[in-house]
Amino acid sequence: MENTNIIGTNFIITNRDLINEFGINSALMLGELYGRRNYFRERNELKYGYFFATKNSMEKSTKLSPYKQRVATEILIKAGILEIKYIDIPPKTYYKINDEKLLKVLKNSVVDILDN
């Protein structure tokens, strides 16, 4: 059997520490957004670090309703990990992930584990 990398084949990758810190919906939302950002980055289609995703496409990918998406993103915005802008007419939701803040949260969770 050929060794294939199934991780790149329609998985949403998330992190247990992010689940513990922000809840499953926020961690799931961030995992999906991270994958989408990579998609746009590979195609050089980021706009000042921002990329768009519709509520319908996010719901289809994550099964999170627009309400659950809004709650999940509000948590990530308050943590400084996510920024949102509404651009175009009709407005599209553009997201930007703050890698520095995200890495700080992940680093703190690793330090907590090592301290225990």
C-alpha atoms as a PDB file:
ATOM      1  CA  MET A   1       0.000   0.000   0.000  1.00  0.00           C
ATOM      2  CA  GLU A   2       1.298   3.432  -0.953  1.00  0.00           C
ATOM      3  CA  ASN A   3       2.103   5.811   1.900  1.00  0.00           C
ATOM      4  CA  THR A   4      -0.123   8.861   1.399  1.00  0.00           C
ATOM      5  CA  ASN A   5      -0.650  11.939   3.495  1.00  0.00           C
ATOM      6  CA  ILE A   6      -4.357  11.945   4.300  1.00  0.00           C
ATOM      7  CA  ILE A   7      -4.052  15.007   6.540  1.00  0.00           C
ATOM      8  CA  GLY A   8      -4.224  17.318   3.526  1.00  0.00           C
ATOM      9  CA  THR A   9      -7.386  15.688   2.229  1.00  0.00           C
ATOM     10  CA  ASN A  10     -10.336  17.568   3.689  1.00  0.00           C
ATOM     11  CA  PHE A  11      -9.478  17.485   7.400  1.00  0.00           C
ATOM     12  CA  ILE A  12      -9.890  20.418   9.762  1.00  0.00           C
ATOM     13  CA  ILE A  13      -6.847  20.468  12.000  1.00  0.00           C
ATOM     14  CA  THR A  14      -7.268  21.879  15.502  1.00  0.00           C
ATOM     15  CA  ASN A  15      -5.321  21.909  18.705  1.00  0.00           C
ATOM     16  CA  ARG A  16      -6.358  20.480  22.074  1.00  0.00           C
ATOM     17  CA  ASP A  17      -4.922  23.467  23.918  1.00  0.00           C
ATOM     18  CA  LEU A  18      -7.039  25.805  21.789  1.00  0.00           C
ATOM     19  CA  ILE A  19     -10.103  23.681  22.543  1.00  0.00           C
ATOM     20  CA  ASN A  20      -9.357  23.950  26.277  1.00  0.00           C
ATOM     21  CA  GLU A  21      -8.684  27.693  26.065  1.00  0.00           C
ATOM     22  CA  PHE A  22     -11.493  28.829  23.732  1.00  0.00           C
ATOM     23  CA  GLY A  23     -13.936  25.930  23.358  1.00  0.00           C
ATOM     24  CA  ILE A  24     -14.510  23.438  20.591  1.00  0.00           C
ATOM     25  CA  ASN A  25     -16.415  25.794  18.269  1.00  0.00           C
ATOM     26  CA  SER A  26     -13.745  28.507  18.345  1.00  0.00           C
ATOM     27  CA  ALA A  27     -10.963  25.962  17.875  1.00  0.00           C
ATOM     28  CA  LEU A  28     -12.861  24.359  14.982  1.00  0.00           C
ATOM     29  CA  MET A  29     -13.533  27.745  13.405  1.00  0.00           C
ATOM     30  CA  LEU A  30      -9.872  28.719  13.733  1.00  0.00           C
ATOM     31  CA  GLY A  31      -8.739  25.415  12.218  1.00  0.00           C
ATOM     32  CA  GLU A  32     -10.986  25.937   9.211  1.00  0.00           C
ATOM     33  CA  LEU A  33      -9.939  29.574   8.817  1.00  0.00           C
ATOM     34  CA  TYR A  34      -6.271  28.616   9.070  1.00  0.00           C
ATOM     35  CA  GLY A  35      -6.711  26.128   6.241  1.00  0.00           C
ATOM     36  CA  ARG A  36      -8.477  28.726   4.114  1.00  0.00           C
ATOM     37  CA  ARG A  37      -5.778  31.285   4.785  1.00  0.00           C
ATOM     38  CA  ASN A  38      -3.162  28.783   3.606  1.00  0.00           C
ATOM     39  CA  TYR A  39      -5.217  28.222   0.448  1.00  0.00           C
ATOM     40  CA  PHE A  40      -5.277  31.960  -0.341  1.00  0.00           C
ATOM     41  CA  ARG A  41      -1.619  32.396   0.662  1.00  0.00           C
ATOM     42  CA  GLU A  42      -0.479  29.638  -1.718  1.00  0.00           C
ATOM     43  CA  ARG A  43      -2.249  31.469  -4.534  1.00  0.00           C
ATOM     44  CA  ASN A  44      -0.912  34.921  -3.508  1.00  0.00           C
ATOM     45  CA  GLU A  45      -4.498  36.096  -3.007  1.00  0.00           C
ATOM     46  CA  LEU A  46      -4.266  37.527   0.504  1.00  0.00           C
ATOM     47  CA  LYS A  47      -5.242  41.207   0.747  1.00  0.00           C
ATOM     48  CA  TYR A  48      -2.933  42.703   3.372  1.00  0.00           C
ATOM     49  CA  GLY A  49      -3.080  39.376   5.171  1.00  0.00           C
ATOM     50  CA  TYR A  50      -6.877  39.125   4.894  1.00  0.00           C
ATOM     51  CA  PHE A  51      -8.882  36.439   3.113  1.00  0.00           C
ATOM     52  CA  PHE A  52     -12.609  35.985   2.733  1.00  0.00           C
ATOM     53  CA  ALA A  53     -15.025  33.240   3.661  1.00  0.00           C
ATOM     54  CA  THR A  54     -18.797  33.291   3.527  1.00  0.00           C
ATOM     55  CA  LYS A  55     -20.991  32.216   6.419  1.00  0.00           C
ATOM     56  CA  ASN A  56     -22.611  29.621   4.140  1.00  0.00           C
ATOM     57  CA  SER A  57     -19.296  28.082   3.101  1.00  0.00           C
ATOM     58  CA  MET A  58     -18.124  28.030   6.723  1.00  0.00           C
ATOM     59  CA  GLU A  59     -21.358  26.368   7.797  1.00  0.00           C
ATOM     60  CA  LYS A  60     -21.010  23.782   5.063  1.00  0.00           C
ATOM     61  CA  SER A  61     -17.411  23.027   6.108  1.00  0.00           C
ATOM     62  CA  THR A  62     -17.829  23.101   9.890  1.00  0.00           C
ATOM     63  CA  LYS A  63     -21.556  22.564  10.480  1.00  0.00           C
ATOM     64  CA  LEU A  64     -21.467  25.643  12.723  1.00  0.00           C
ATOM     65  CA  SER A  65     -24.551  27.812  12.271  1.00  0.00           C
ATOM     66  CA  PRO A  66     -24.018  31.526  11.571  1.00  0.00           C
ATOM     67  CA  TYR A  67     -24.853  32.210  15.231  1.00  0.00           C
ATOM     68  CA  LYS A  68     -22.246  29.701  16.468  1.00  0.00           C
ATOM     69  CA  GLN A  69     -19.735  31.145  13.995  1.00  0.00           C
ATOM     70  CA  ARG A  70     -20.359  34.637  15.356  1.00  0.00           C
ATOM     71  CA  VAL A  71     -19.938  33.509  18.979  1.00  0.00           C
ATOM     72  CA  ALA A  72     -16.784  31.552  18.097  1.00  0.00           C
ATOM     73  CA  THR A  73     -15.214  34.453  16.213  1.00  0.00           C
ATOM     74  CA  GLU A  74     -16.083  36.931  18.991  1.00  0.00           C
ATOM     75  CA  ILE A  75     -14.071  34.789  21.416  1.00  0.00           C
ATOM     76  CA  LEU A  76     -11.099  34.743  19.033  1.00  0.00           C
ATOM     77  CA  ILE A  77     -11.363  38.488  18.395  1.00  0.00           C
ATOM     78  CA  LYS A  78     -11.339  39.230  22.143  1.00  0.00           C
ATOM     79  CA  ALA A  79      -8.204  37.074  22.455  1.00  0.00           C
ATOM     80  CA  GLY A  80      -6.567  39.111  19.675  1.00  0.00           C
ATOM     81  CA  ILE A  81      -6.120  36.054  17.469  1.00  0.00           C
ATOM     82  CA  LEU A  82      -8.619  37.037  14.795  1.00  0.00           C
ATOM     83  CA  GLU A  83      -9.511  40.267  13.018  1.00  0.00           C
ATOM     84  CA  ILE A  84     -12.576  40.728  10.826  1.00  0.00           C
ATOM     85  CA  LYS A  85     -13.391  43.329   8.170  1.00  0.00           C
ATOM     86  CA  TYR A  86     -16.437  43.626   5.950  1.00  0.00           C
ATOM     87  CA  ILE A  87     -15.444  44.601   2.418  1.00  0.00           C
ATOM     88  CA  ASP A  88     -17.229  44.929  -0.933  1.00  0.00           C
ATOM     89  CA  ILE A  89     -20.893  45.330  -1.798  1.00  0.00           C
ATOM     90  CA  PRO A  90     -22.644  43.216  -0.765  1.00  0.00           C
ATOM     91  CA  PRO A  91     -20.196  42.899   2.120  1.00  0.00           C
ATOM     92  CA  LYS A  92     -17.984  39.835   2.343  1.00  0.00           C
ATOM     93  CA  THR A  93     -16.410  38.806   5.611  1.00  0.00           C
ATOM     94  CA  TYR A  94     -12.626  39.029   5.499  1.00  0.00           C
ATOM     95  CA  TYR A  95     -10.539  37.384   8.215  1.00  0.00           C
ATOM     96  CA  LYS A  96      -6.967  37.872   9.375  1.00  0.00           C
ATOM     97  CA  ILE A  97      -5.236  35.535  11.810  1.00  0.00           C
ATOM     98  CA  ASN A  98      -2.694  37.092  14.160  1.00  0.00           C
ATOM     99  CA  ASP A  99      -0.006  34.405  14.242  1.00  0.00           C
ATOM    100  CA  GLU A 100       1.948  36.173  16.967  1.00  0.00           C
ATOM    101  CA  LYS A 101      -1.014  36.106  19.385  1.00  0.00           C
ATOM    102  CA  LEU A 102      -1.873  32.541  18.394  1.00  0.00           C
ATOM    103  CA  LEU A 103       1.679  31.359  19.018  1.00  0.00           C
ATOM    104  CA  LYS A 104       1.696  33.144  22.369  1.00  0.00           C
ATOM    105  CA  VAL A 105      -1.430  31.238  23.448  1.00  0.00           C
ATOM    106  CA  LEU A 106       0.076  27.958  22.268  1.00  0.00           C
ATOM    107  CA  LYS A 107       3.408  28.734  23.924  1.00  0.00           C
ATOM    108  CA  ASN A 108       1.675  29.538  27.214  1.00  0.00           C
ATOM    109  CA  SER A 109      -0.191  26.228  27.097  1.00  0.00           C
ATOM    110  CA  VAL A 110       3.084  24.363  26.505  1.00  0.00           C
ATOM    111  CA  VAL A 111       4.696  26.191  29.437  1.00  0.00           C
ATOM    112  CA  ASP A 112       1.707  25.254  31.626  1.00  0.00           C
ATOM    113  CA  ILE A 113       2.160  21.597  30.699  1.00  0.00           C
ATOM    114  CA  LEU A 114       5.895  21.694  31.423  1.00  0.00           C
ATOM    115  CA  ASP A 115       5.305  23.397  34.785  1.00  0.00           C
ATOM    116  CA  ASN A 116       2.986  20.594  35.940  1.00  0.00           C
END
